Amino acid sequence: MKLFVFELSTRSSEAEIVKLKGKLNSEFEMTDLGELAYFLGLEFLKTKSGIIMHQKKYISDVLSRFQMLDYKPVIGPVEGKVGSNDSATEKPIDPTLYRHIVGCLRFICQSRLEITYVAGVINRHMANPKQSHIIAAKRIMRYLKGTMNYGIMFPNQIEESESYFVGYSNSNWC
């Protein structure tokens, strides 16, 4: 089993960063790849205030992939009841296309937490998607089009006790 360590440092002191890298290197085999800019579809932008994690390029690629770059953006990711019409008379749609869209939206949830609930709701209809479900999924993408510049800000840490962020991942979980 391999252990992968991902360090996102927002400290302002270069000496502290070097010290942390030295500690990690003494415990683990590691390679310094320099300043983080793009990792697994996540983009990182360094500013004076800290680091912003976003998925602008990935969202743009998804919109392009599903020919939605020319669609008008909307204010919110959901309107009324999401995918609640399961009548037998409603027109079914291509389940493969729907699964691709939902999969992309679930991946975007990493940096866009506000769509997590609605992406989960449309995810429930993977087995038998209907026209209303694809409309709800496309509305989420139209919302993302208007908010592509949104992301998560990791502020610079001024004092040791000010803030602390820890993330865990287990890629072998099954």
N, C-alpha and C. Protein backbone atom coordinates (compact mmCIF):
# COMPACT_ATOMS: atom_id res chain seq x y z
N MET A 1 0.84 -1.18 0.00
CA MET A 1 0.00 0.00 0.00
C MET A 1 0.89 1.24 0.00
N LYS A 2 0.56 2.18 -0.88
CA LYS A 2 1.32 3.42 -0.97
C LYS A 2 0.60 4.52 -0.21
N LEU A 3 1.35 5.40 0.36
CA LEU A 3 0.81 6.56 1.05
C LEU A 3 1.19 7.79 0.25
N PHE A 4 0.17 8.55 -0.14
CA PHE A 4 0.41 9.78 -0.87
C PHE A 4 0.10 10.95 0.05
N VAL A 5 1.01 11.86 0.16
CA VAL A 5 0.84 13.03 1.02
C VAL A 5 0.71 14.24 0.12
N PHE A 6 -0.34 14.99 0.33
CA PHE A 6 -0.59 16.19 -0.44
C PHE A 6 -0.57 17.36 0.53
N GLU A 7 0.34 18.28 0.33
CA GLU A 7 0.48 19.42 1.23
C GLU A 7 0.13 20.71 0.49
N LEU A 8 -0.81 21.42 1.02
CA LEU A 8 -1.18 22.73 0.50
C LEU A 8 -0.85 23.72 1.59
N SER A 9 0.23 24.43 1.43
CA SER A 9 0.68 25.34 2.48
C SER A 9 0.32 26.76 2.12
N THR A 10 -0.34 27.45 3.07
CA THR A 10 -0.69 28.85 2.86
C THR A 10 0.07 29.75 3.82
N ARG A 11 1.16 29.25 4.33
CA ARG A 11 1.97 30.05 5.25
C ARG A 11 2.73 31.12 4.48
N SER A 12 2.93 32.25 5.13
CA SER A 12 3.62 33.35 4.46
C SER A 12 5.13 33.25 4.61
N SER A 13 5.62 32.45 5.54
CA SER A 13 7.05 32.34 5.79
C SER A 13 7.66 31.21 4.97
N GLU A 14 8.58 31.56 4.10
CA GLU A 14 9.27 30.55 3.27
C GLU A 14 10.06 29.59 4.15
N ALA A 15 10.62 30.10 5.26
CA ALA A 15 11.39 29.25 6.18
C ALA A 15 10.51 28.16 6.79
N GLU A 16 9.26 28.50 7.12
CA GLU A 16 8.33 27.51 7.68
C GLU A 16 7.98 26.45 6.65
N ILE A 17 7.82 26.84 5.40
CA ILE A 17 7.51 25.89 4.33
C ILE A 17 8.68 24.93 4.13
N VAL A 18 9.90 25.45 4.12
CA VAL A 18 11.10 24.60 3.96
C VAL A 18 11.21 23.63 5.13
N LYS A 19 10.94 24.12 6.35
CA LYS A 19 10.99 23.28 7.54
C LYS A 19 9.96 22.14 7.46
N LEU A 20 8.75 22.45 7.01
CA LEU A 20 7.70 21.44 6.87
C LEU A 20 8.08 20.41 5.82
N LYS A 21 8.61 20.85 4.69
CA LYS A 21 9.04 19.93 3.62
C LYS A 21 10.15 19.02 4.13
N GLY A 22 11.05 19.54 4.94
CA GLY A 22 12.12 18.73 5.51
C GLY A 22 11.59 17.64 6.41
N LYS A 23 10.60 17.98 7.26
CA LYS A 23 9.98 16.99 8.14
C LYS A 23 9.28 15.89 7.33
N LEU A 24 8.52 16.30 6.31
CA LEU A 24 7.83 15.31 5.47
C LEU A 24 8.82 14.42 4.74
N ASN A 25 9.89 15.01 4.24
CA ASN A 25 10.90 14.25 3.49
C ASN A 25 11.63 13.26 4.39
N SER A 26 11.78 13.58 5.68
CA SER A 26 12.45 12.65 6.59
C SER A 26 11.56 11.44 6.92
N GLU A 27 10.25 11.60 6.80
CA GLU A 27 9.30 10.53 7.11
C GLU A 27 8.85 9.75 5.87
N PHE A 28 8.77 10.42 4.73
CA PHE A 28 8.22 9.82 3.52
C PHE A 28 9.15 10.05 2.33
N GLU A 29 9.05 9.17 1.36
CA GLU A 29 9.75 9.41 0.11
C GLU A 29 8.90 10.40 -0.67
N MET A 30 9.46 11.52 -1.02
CA MET A 30 8.68 12.55 -1.69
C MET A 30 9.52 13.33 -2.68
N THR A 31 8.81 13.97 -3.60
CA THR A 31 9.42 14.82 -4.60
C THR A 31 8.74 16.17 -4.53
N ASP A 32 9.49 17.24 -4.50
CA ASP A 32 8.93 18.58 -4.50
C ASP A 32 8.63 18.98 -5.94
N LEU A 33 7.37 19.13 -6.26
CA LEU A 33 6.94 19.49 -7.61
C LEU A 33 6.77 21.00 -7.78
N GLY A 34 7.14 21.76 -6.76
CA GLY A 34 7.02 23.21 -6.86
C GLY A 34 5.65 23.69 -6.45
N GLU A 35 5.34 24.90 -6.84
CA GLU A 35 4.08 25.52 -6.47
C GLU A 35 2.92 24.83 -7.18
N LEU A 36 1.88 24.54 -6.42
CA LEU A 36 0.72 23.84 -6.93
C LEU A 36 -0.11 24.76 -7.82
N ALA A 37 -0.47 24.29 -9.01
CA ALA A 37 -1.31 25.07 -9.92
C ALA A 37 -2.52 24.26 -10.39
N TYR A 38 -2.32 22.98 -10.71
CA TYR A 38 -3.40 22.14 -11.24
C TYR A 38 -3.18 20.72 -10.76
N PHE A 39 -4.22 20.11 -10.18
CA PHE A 39 -4.10 18.76 -9.64
C PHE A 39 -5.45 18.07 -9.75
N LEU A 40 -5.53 17.00 -10.54
CA LEU A 40 -6.73 16.18 -10.68
C LEU A 40 -7.99 17.00 -10.97
N GLY A 41 -7.91 17.92 -11.89
CA GLY A 41 -9.07 18.72 -12.27
C GLY A 41 -9.33 19.91 -11.36
N LEU A 42 -8.53 20.06 -10.33
CA LEU A 42 -8.67 21.20 -9.43
C LEU A 42 -7.58 22.21 -9.75
N GLU A 43 -7.95 23.48 -9.83
CA GLU A 43 -6.98 24.54 -10.09
C GLU A 43 -6.76 25.33 -8.81
N PHE A 44 -5.54 25.81 -8.64
CA PHE A 44 -5.18 26.57 -7.45
C PHE A 44 -4.58 27.90 -7.89
N LEU A 45 -5.13 28.98 -7.37
CA LEU A 45 -4.70 30.33 -7.71
C LEU A 45 -4.18 31.00 -6.44
N LYS A 46 -2.91 31.39 -6.46
CA LYS A 46 -2.31 32.05 -5.30
C LYS A 46 -2.58 33.54 -5.38
N THR A 47 -3.12 34.11 -4.30
CA THR A 47 -3.38 35.55 -4.22
C THR A 47 -2.70 36.11 -2.97
N LYS A 48 -2.80 37.40 -2.76
CA LYS A 48 -2.24 38.02 -1.56
C LYS A 48 -2.93 37.51 -0.29
N SER A 49 -4.21 37.16 -0.40
CA SER A 49 -4.99 36.73 0.75
C SER A 49 -4.84 35.25 1.08
N GLY A 50 -4.44 34.46 0.10
CA GLY A 50 -4.32 33.01 0.31
C GLY A 50 -4.38 32.27 -1.02
N ILE A 51 -4.94 31.08 -0.98
CA ILE A 51 -5.04 30.24 -2.18
C ILE A 51 -6.50 29.95 -2.46
N ILE A 52 -6.91 30.10 -3.73
CA ILE A 52 -8.28 29.80 -4.13
C ILE A 52 -8.26 28.50 -4.94
N MET A 53 -9.10 27.55 -4.51
CA MET A 53 -9.26 26.29 -5.24
C MET A 53 -10.54 26.40 -6.07
N HIS A 54 -10.43 26.15 -7.38
CA HIS A 54 -11.60 26.24 -8.25
C HIS A 54 -11.50 25.21 -9.37
N GLN A 55 -12.54 25.11 -10.17
CA GLN A 55 -12.57 24.17 -11.29
C GLN A 55 -13.06 24.86 -12.57
N LYS A 56 -12.61 26.08 -12.79
CA LYS A 56 -13.07 26.85 -13.94
C LYS A 56 -12.80 26.13 -15.26
N LYS A 57 -11.60 25.61 -15.45
CA LYS A 57 -11.27 24.92 -16.70
C LYS A 57 -12.11 23.66 -16.87
N TYR A 58 -12.26 22.89 -15.79
CA TYR A 58 -13.04 21.65 -15.88
C TYR A 58 -14.51 21.96 -16.20
N ILE A 59 -15.08 22.98 -15.54
CA ILE A 59 -16.47 23.35 -15.81
C ILE A 59 -16.63 23.79 -17.25
N SER A 60 -15.70 24.59 -17.74
CA SER A 60 -15.72 25.03 -19.13
C SER A 60 -15.64 23.83 -20.09
N ASP A 61 -14.79 22.87 -19.77
CA ASP A 61 -14.67 21.66 -20.60
C ASP A 61 -15.96 20.85 -20.60
N VAL A 62 -16.62 20.75 -19.44
CA VAL A 62 -17.88 20.01 -19.34
C VAL A 62 -18.96 20.71 -20.15
N LEU A 63 -19.06 22.02 -20.03
CA LEU A 63 -20.05 22.77 -20.81
C LEU A 63 -19.81 22.59 -22.30
N SER A 64 -18.56 22.61 -22.71
CA SER A 64 -18.22 22.40 -24.11
C SER A 64 -18.57 20.98 -24.56
N ARG A 65 -18.24 20.01 -23.73
CA ARG A 65 -18.50 18.59 -24.05
C ARG A 65 -19.98 18.32 -24.30
N PHE A 66 -20.86 18.99 -23.54
CA PHE A 66 -22.31 18.78 -23.69
C PHE A 66 -22.97 19.91 -24.48
N GLN A 67 -22.18 20.65 -25.27
CA GLN A 67 -22.63 21.74 -26.13
C GLN A 67 -23.52 22.74 -25.40
N MET A 68 -23.05 23.21 -24.23
CA MET A 68 -23.83 24.15 -23.44
C MET A 68 -23.11 25.48 -23.22
N LEU A 69 -22.04 25.74 -23.96
CA LEU A 69 -21.30 26.99 -23.80
C LEU A 69 -22.14 28.21 -24.18
N ASP A 70 -23.08 28.05 -25.10
CA ASP A 70 -23.90 29.17 -25.55
C ASP A 70 -25.19 29.34 -24.75
N TYR A 71 -25.45 28.46 -23.79
CA TYR A 71 -26.66 28.56 -22.98
C TYR A 71 -26.56 29.77 -22.06
N LYS A 72 -27.72 30.35 -21.73
CA LYS A 72 -27.75 31.48 -20.81
C LYS A 72 -27.59 30.98 -19.38
N PRO A 73 -26.78 31.67 -18.57
CA PRO A 73 -26.64 31.28 -17.16
C PRO A 73 -27.92 31.59 -16.37
N VAL A 74 -28.12 30.89 -15.26
CA VAL A 74 -29.25 31.13 -14.37
C VAL A 74 -28.71 31.49 -12.99
N ILE A 75 -29.58 32.06 -12.15
CA ILE A 75 -29.17 32.55 -10.84
C ILE A 75 -28.97 31.42 -9.83
N GLY A 76 -29.81 30.41 -9.85
CA GLY A 76 -29.72 29.32 -8.88
C GLY A 76 -29.64 27.97 -9.55
N PRO A 77 -29.09 26.96 -8.86
CA PRO A 77 -28.93 25.64 -9.47
C PRO A 77 -30.20 24.82 -9.55
N VAL A 78 -31.27 25.27 -8.89
CA VAL A 78 -32.51 24.50 -8.86
C VAL A 78 -33.71 25.44 -8.93
N GLU A 79 -34.77 24.94 -9.54
CA GLU A 79 -36.01 25.70 -9.61
C GLU A 79 -37.15 24.76 -9.23
N GLY A 80 -37.82 25.06 -8.14
CA GLY A 80 -38.94 24.22 -7.71
C GLY A 80 -38.48 22.84 -7.27
N LYS A 81 -39.27 21.84 -7.60
CA LYS A 81 -38.95 20.46 -7.24
C LYS A 81 -38.05 19.86 -8.30
N VAL A 82 -36.93 19.30 -7.85
CA VAL A 82 -35.94 18.74 -8.77
C VAL A 82 -36.28 17.30 -9.08
N GLY A 83 -36.54 17.02 -10.37
CA GLY A 83 -36.74 15.64 -10.81
C GLY A 83 -37.82 14.91 -10.07
N SER A 84 -38.90 15.59 -9.66
CA SER A 84 -39.92 14.95 -8.86
C SER A 84 -41.00 14.29 -9.72
N ASN A 85 -41.04 14.57 -11.02
CA ASN A 85 -42.08 14.03 -11.89
C ASN A 85 -41.64 12.68 -12.46
N ASP A 86 -42.11 11.61 -11.85
CA ASP A 86 -41.75 10.26 -12.28
C ASP A 86 -42.92 9.56 -12.96
N SER A 87 -43.77 10.32 -13.63
CA SER A 87 -44.94 9.71 -14.25
C SER A 87 -44.52 8.79 -15.39
N ALA A 88 -45.32 7.78 -15.61
CA ALA A 88 -45.02 6.80 -16.65
C ALA A 88 -45.15 7.41 -18.04
N THR A 89 -45.83 8.53 -18.15
CA THR A 89 -46.04 9.16 -19.46
C THR A 89 -44.90 10.08 -19.87
N GLU A 90 -44.04 10.41 -18.93
CA GLU A 90 -42.93 11.31 -19.26
C GLU A 90 -41.93 10.62 -20.17
N LYS A 91 -41.40 11.39 -21.11
CA LYS A 91 -40.48 10.86 -22.11
C LYS A 91 -39.14 10.44 -21.48
N PRO A 92 -38.71 9.16 -21.69
CA PRO A 92 -37.40 8.75 -21.19
C PRO A 92 -36.29 9.34 -22.06
N ILE A 93 -35.10 9.43 -21.49
CA ILE A 93 -33.95 9.96 -22.23
C ILE A 93 -32.83 8.94 -22.24
N ASP A 94 -31.78 9.24 -22.97
CA ASP A 94 -30.62 8.35 -23.07
C ASP A 94 -29.94 8.27 -21.70
N PRO A 95 -29.97 7.08 -21.04
CA PRO A 95 -29.38 6.97 -19.70
C PRO A 95 -27.86 7.17 -19.69
N THR A 96 -27.18 6.83 -20.79
CA THR A 96 -25.72 6.99 -20.84
C THR A 96 -25.35 8.47 -20.80
N LEU A 97 -26.03 9.28 -21.60
CA LEU A 97 -25.79 10.72 -21.60
C LEU A 97 -26.06 11.30 -20.21
N TYR A 98 -27.16 10.90 -19.61
CA TYR A 98 -27.53 11.40 -18.29
C TYR A 98 -26.47 11.02 -17.25
N ARG A 99 -25.99 9.80 -17.29
CA ARG A 99 -24.96 9.35 -16.34
C ARG A 99 -23.66 10.14 -16.50
N HIS A 100 -23.32 10.46 -17.74
CA HIS A 100 -22.11 11.26 -17.98
C HIS A 100 -22.26 12.66 -17.37
N ILE A 101 -23.42 13.27 -17.57
CA ILE A 101 -23.65 14.61 -17.04
C ILE A 101 -23.61 14.59 -15.51
N VAL A 102 -24.32 13.63 -14.90
CA VAL A 102 -24.37 13.54 -13.44
C VAL A 102 -22.98 13.25 -12.87
N GLY A 103 -22.22 12.39 -13.52
CA GLY A 103 -20.86 12.09 -13.06
C GLY A 103 -19.98 13.33 -13.06
N CYS A 104 -20.10 14.13 -14.11
CA CYS A 104 -19.33 15.38 -14.17
C CYS A 104 -19.75 16.34 -13.06
N LEU A 105 -21.06 16.44 -12.82
CA LEU A 105 -21.55 17.32 -11.77
C LEU A 105 -21.09 16.86 -10.39
N ARG A 106 -21.07 15.55 -10.16
CA ARG A 106 -20.61 15.03 -8.87
C ARG A 106 -19.13 15.37 -8.65
N PHE A 107 -18.33 15.34 -9.72
CA PHE A 107 -16.92 15.69 -9.60
C PHE A 107 -16.75 17.18 -9.27
N ILE A 108 -17.60 18.01 -9.84
CA ILE A 108 -17.53 19.45 -9.61
C ILE A 108 -17.87 19.79 -8.15
N CYS A 109 -18.61 18.91 -7.48
CA CYS A 109 -18.99 19.13 -6.08
C CYS A 109 -17.78 19.28 -5.16
N GLN A 110 -16.59 18.86 -5.59
CA GLN A 110 -15.38 18.99 -4.77
C GLN A 110 -15.08 20.43 -4.41
N SER A 111 -15.31 21.33 -5.36
CA SER A 111 -15.01 22.74 -5.10
C SER A 111 -16.26 23.61 -5.08
N ARG A 112 -17.40 23.04 -5.43
CA ARG A 112 -18.65 23.81 -5.49
C ARG A 112 -19.69 23.13 -4.60
N LEU A 113 -19.52 23.32 -3.31
CA LEU A 113 -20.35 22.63 -2.32
C LEU A 113 -21.83 22.99 -2.41
N GLU A 114 -22.15 24.15 -2.97
CA GLU A 114 -23.55 24.58 -3.04
C GLU A 114 -24.39 23.74 -4.00
N ILE A 115 -23.75 22.96 -4.88
CA ILE A 115 -24.53 22.11 -5.78
C ILE A 115 -24.59 20.66 -5.30
N THR A 116 -24.00 20.36 -4.17
CA THR A 116 -23.92 18.98 -3.68
C THR A 116 -25.30 18.36 -3.49
N TYR A 117 -26.20 19.08 -2.84
CA TYR A 117 -27.53 18.51 -2.58
C TYR A 117 -28.28 18.24 -3.88
N VAL A 118 -28.34 19.23 -4.74
CA VAL A 118 -29.12 19.07 -5.97
C VAL A 118 -28.49 18.03 -6.90
N ALA A 119 -27.17 17.92 -6.89
CA ALA A 119 -26.50 16.87 -7.68
C ALA A 119 -26.84 15.50 -7.11
N GLY A 120 -26.98 15.41 -5.80
CA GLY A 120 -27.38 14.15 -5.17
C GLY A 120 -28.81 13.78 -5.52
N VAL A 121 -29.68 14.77 -5.61
CA VAL A 121 -31.08 14.51 -5.96
C VAL A 121 -31.18 13.97 -7.39
N ILE A 122 -30.50 14.60 -8.34
CA ILE A 122 -30.59 14.10 -9.72
C ILE A 122 -29.87 12.77 -9.88
N ASN A 123 -28.92 12.50 -8.98
CA ASN A 123 -28.20 11.23 -9.00
C ASN A 123 -29.13 10.04 -8.72
N ARG A 124 -30.23 10.28 -8.02
CA ARG A 124 -31.19 9.22 -7.68
C ARG A 124 -31.91 8.64 -8.89
N HIS A 125 -31.86 9.32 -9.99
CA HIS A 125 -32.63 8.92 -11.16
C HIS A 125 -31.77 8.31 -12.27
N MET A 126 -30.61 7.79 -11.90
CA MET A 126 -29.67 7.24 -12.89
C MET A 126 -30.26 6.03 -13.63
N ALA A 127 -31.03 5.20 -12.96
CA ALA A 127 -31.53 3.97 -13.56
C ALA A 127 -32.57 4.23 -14.63
N ASN A 128 -33.42 5.23 -14.42
CA ASN A 128 -34.52 5.48 -15.35
C ASN A 128 -34.74 6.99 -15.51
N PRO A 129 -33.79 7.70 -16.12
CA PRO A 129 -33.92 9.15 -16.23
C PRO A 129 -35.00 9.56 -17.23
N LYS A 130 -35.70 10.62 -16.88
CA LYS A 130 -36.76 11.18 -17.72
C LYS A 130 -36.36 12.58 -18.18
N GLN A 131 -37.20 13.16 -19.00
CA GLN A 131 -36.94 14.48 -19.56
C GLN A 131 -36.76 15.54 -18.47
N SER A 132 -37.59 15.48 -17.41
CA SER A 132 -37.48 16.48 -16.34
C SER A 132 -36.15 16.38 -15.60
N HIS A 133 -35.57 15.19 -15.56
CA HIS A 133 -34.30 15.01 -14.86
C HIS A 133 -33.15 15.64 -15.65
N ILE A 134 -33.16 15.47 -16.97
CA ILE A 134 -32.10 16.08 -17.79
C ILE A 134 -32.24 17.60 -17.78
N ILE A 135 -33.47 18.10 -17.70
CA ILE A 135 -33.69 19.54 -17.62
C ILE A 135 -33.11 20.07 -16.31
N ALA A 136 -33.31 19.34 -15.21
CA ALA A 136 -32.74 19.74 -13.91
C ALA A 136 -31.21 19.72 -13.96
N ALA A 137 -30.63 18.70 -14.59
CA ALA A 137 -29.17 18.59 -14.70
C ALA A 137 -28.62 19.75 -15.53
N LYS A 138 -29.30 20.07 -16.62
CA LYS A 138 -28.83 21.17 -17.46
C LYS A 138 -28.97 22.52 -16.76
N ARG A 139 -29.96 22.64 -15.89
CA ARG A 139 -30.09 23.89 -15.12
C ARG A 139 -28.88 24.06 -14.20
N ILE A 140 -28.42 22.97 -13.59
CA ILE A 140 -27.24 23.05 -12.73
C ILE A 140 -26.04 23.51 -13.55
N MET A 141 -25.90 22.97 -14.75
CA MET A 141 -24.78 23.37 -15.61
C MET A 141 -24.90 24.83 -16.03
N ARG A 142 -26.14 25.30 -16.26
CA ARG A 142 -26.33 26.71 -16.60
C ARG A 142 -25.96 27.61 -15.41
N TYR A 143 -26.25 27.14 -14.20
CA TYR A 143 -25.85 27.88 -13.00
C TYR A 143 -24.32 27.93 -12.91
N LEU A 144 -23.68 26.81 -13.16
CA LEU A 144 -22.21 26.75 -13.12
C LEU A 144 -21.59 27.67 -14.17
N LYS A 145 -22.24 27.80 -15.31
CA LYS A 145 -21.72 28.69 -16.36
C LYS A 145 -21.64 30.13 -15.86
N GLY A 146 -22.64 30.55 -15.11
CA GLY A 146 -22.65 31.92 -14.60
C GLY A 146 -21.79 32.14 -13.38
N THR A 147 -21.30 31.05 -12.78
CA THR A 147 -20.52 31.16 -11.55
C THR A 147 -19.18 30.42 -11.66
N MET A 148 -18.64 30.33 -12.86
CA MET A 148 -17.39 29.59 -13.07
C MET A 148 -16.22 30.11 -12.26
N ASN A 149 -16.26 31.39 -11.90
CA ASN A 149 -15.15 31.98 -11.16
C ASN A 149 -15.23 31.74 -9.66
N TYR A 150 -16.25 31.04 -9.20
CA TYR A 150 -16.38 30.75 -7.77
C TYR A 150 -15.41 29.65 -7.38
N GLY A 151 -15.01 29.64 -6.12
CA GLY A 151 -14.13 28.61 -5.62
C GLY A 151 -14.07 28.65 -4.10
N ILE A 152 -13.15 27.91 -3.53
CA ILE A 152 -12.96 27.86 -2.08
C ILE A 152 -11.66 28.58 -1.75
N MET A 153 -11.74 29.52 -0.81
CA MET A 153 -10.57 30.30 -0.41
C MET A 153 -9.93 29.68 0.83
N PHE A 154 -8.63 29.42 0.75
CA PHE A 154 -7.83 28.98 1.89
C PHE A 154 -6.98 30.18 2.27
N PRO A 155 -7.37 30.92 3.33
CA PRO A 155 -6.65 32.16 3.66
C PRO A 155 -5.25 31.88 4.19
N ASN A 156 -4.38 32.88 4.02
CA ASN A 156 -3.04 32.80 4.59
C ASN A 156 -3.14 32.64 6.10
N GLN A 157 -2.28 31.80 6.65
CA GLN A 157 -2.26 31.57 8.08
C GLN A 157 -1.23 32.49 8.70
N ILE A 158 -1.68 33.44 9.49
CA ILE A 158 -0.79 34.42 10.10
C ILE A 158 -0.18 33.86 11.38
N GLU A 159 -1.00 33.29 12.22
CA GLU A 159 -0.52 32.71 13.47
C GLU A 159 -0.81 31.22 13.47
N GLU A 160 0.02 30.46 14.16
CA GLU A 160 -0.12 28.99 14.21
C GLU A 160 -1.50 28.56 14.69
N SER A 161 -2.07 29.28 15.66
CA SER A 161 -3.34 28.87 16.23
C SER A 161 -4.55 29.44 15.48
N GLU A 162 -4.32 30.24 14.45
CA GLU A 162 -5.43 30.90 13.77
C GLU A 162 -6.36 29.93 13.05
N SER A 163 -5.82 29.03 12.23
CA SER A 163 -6.65 28.08 11.51
C SER A 163 -5.83 26.84 11.19
N TYR A 164 -6.53 25.74 11.00
CA TYR A 164 -5.87 24.47 10.71
C TYR A 164 -6.79 23.67 9.82
N PHE A 165 -6.30 23.19 8.73
CA PHE A 165 -7.09 22.43 7.77
C PHE A 165 -6.43 21.09 7.51
N VAL A 166 -7.18 20.01 7.71
CA VAL A 166 -6.66 18.67 7.49
C VAL A 166 -7.62 17.94 6.57
N GLY A 167 -7.10 17.25 5.56
CA GLY A 167 -7.94 16.46 4.67
C GLY A 167 -7.42 15.04 4.58
N TYR A 168 -8.32 14.08 4.51
CA TYR A 168 -7.95 12.67 4.41
C TYR A 168 -8.61 12.06 3.18
N SER A 169 -7.93 11.11 2.58
CA SER A 169 -8.47 10.40 1.43
C SER A 169 -8.01 8.96 1.48
N ASN A 170 -8.88 8.04 1.10
CA ASN A 170 -8.53 6.64 1.02
C ASN A 170 -8.94 6.13 -0.36
N SER A 171 -8.03 6.14 -1.30
CA SER A 171 -8.36 5.75 -2.66
C SER A 171 -8.57 4.24 -2.80
N ASN A 172 -8.19 3.44 -1.79
CA ASN A 172 -8.36 2.00 -1.84
C ASN A 172 -9.66 1.55 -1.19
N TRP A 173 -10.51 2.48 -0.80
CA TRP A 173 -11.75 2.14 -0.11
C TRP A 173 -12.72 1.47 -1.07
N CYS A 174 -13.09 0.24 -0.82
CA CYS A 174 -14.10 -0.47 -1.62
C CYS A 174 -14.71 -1.58 -0.82
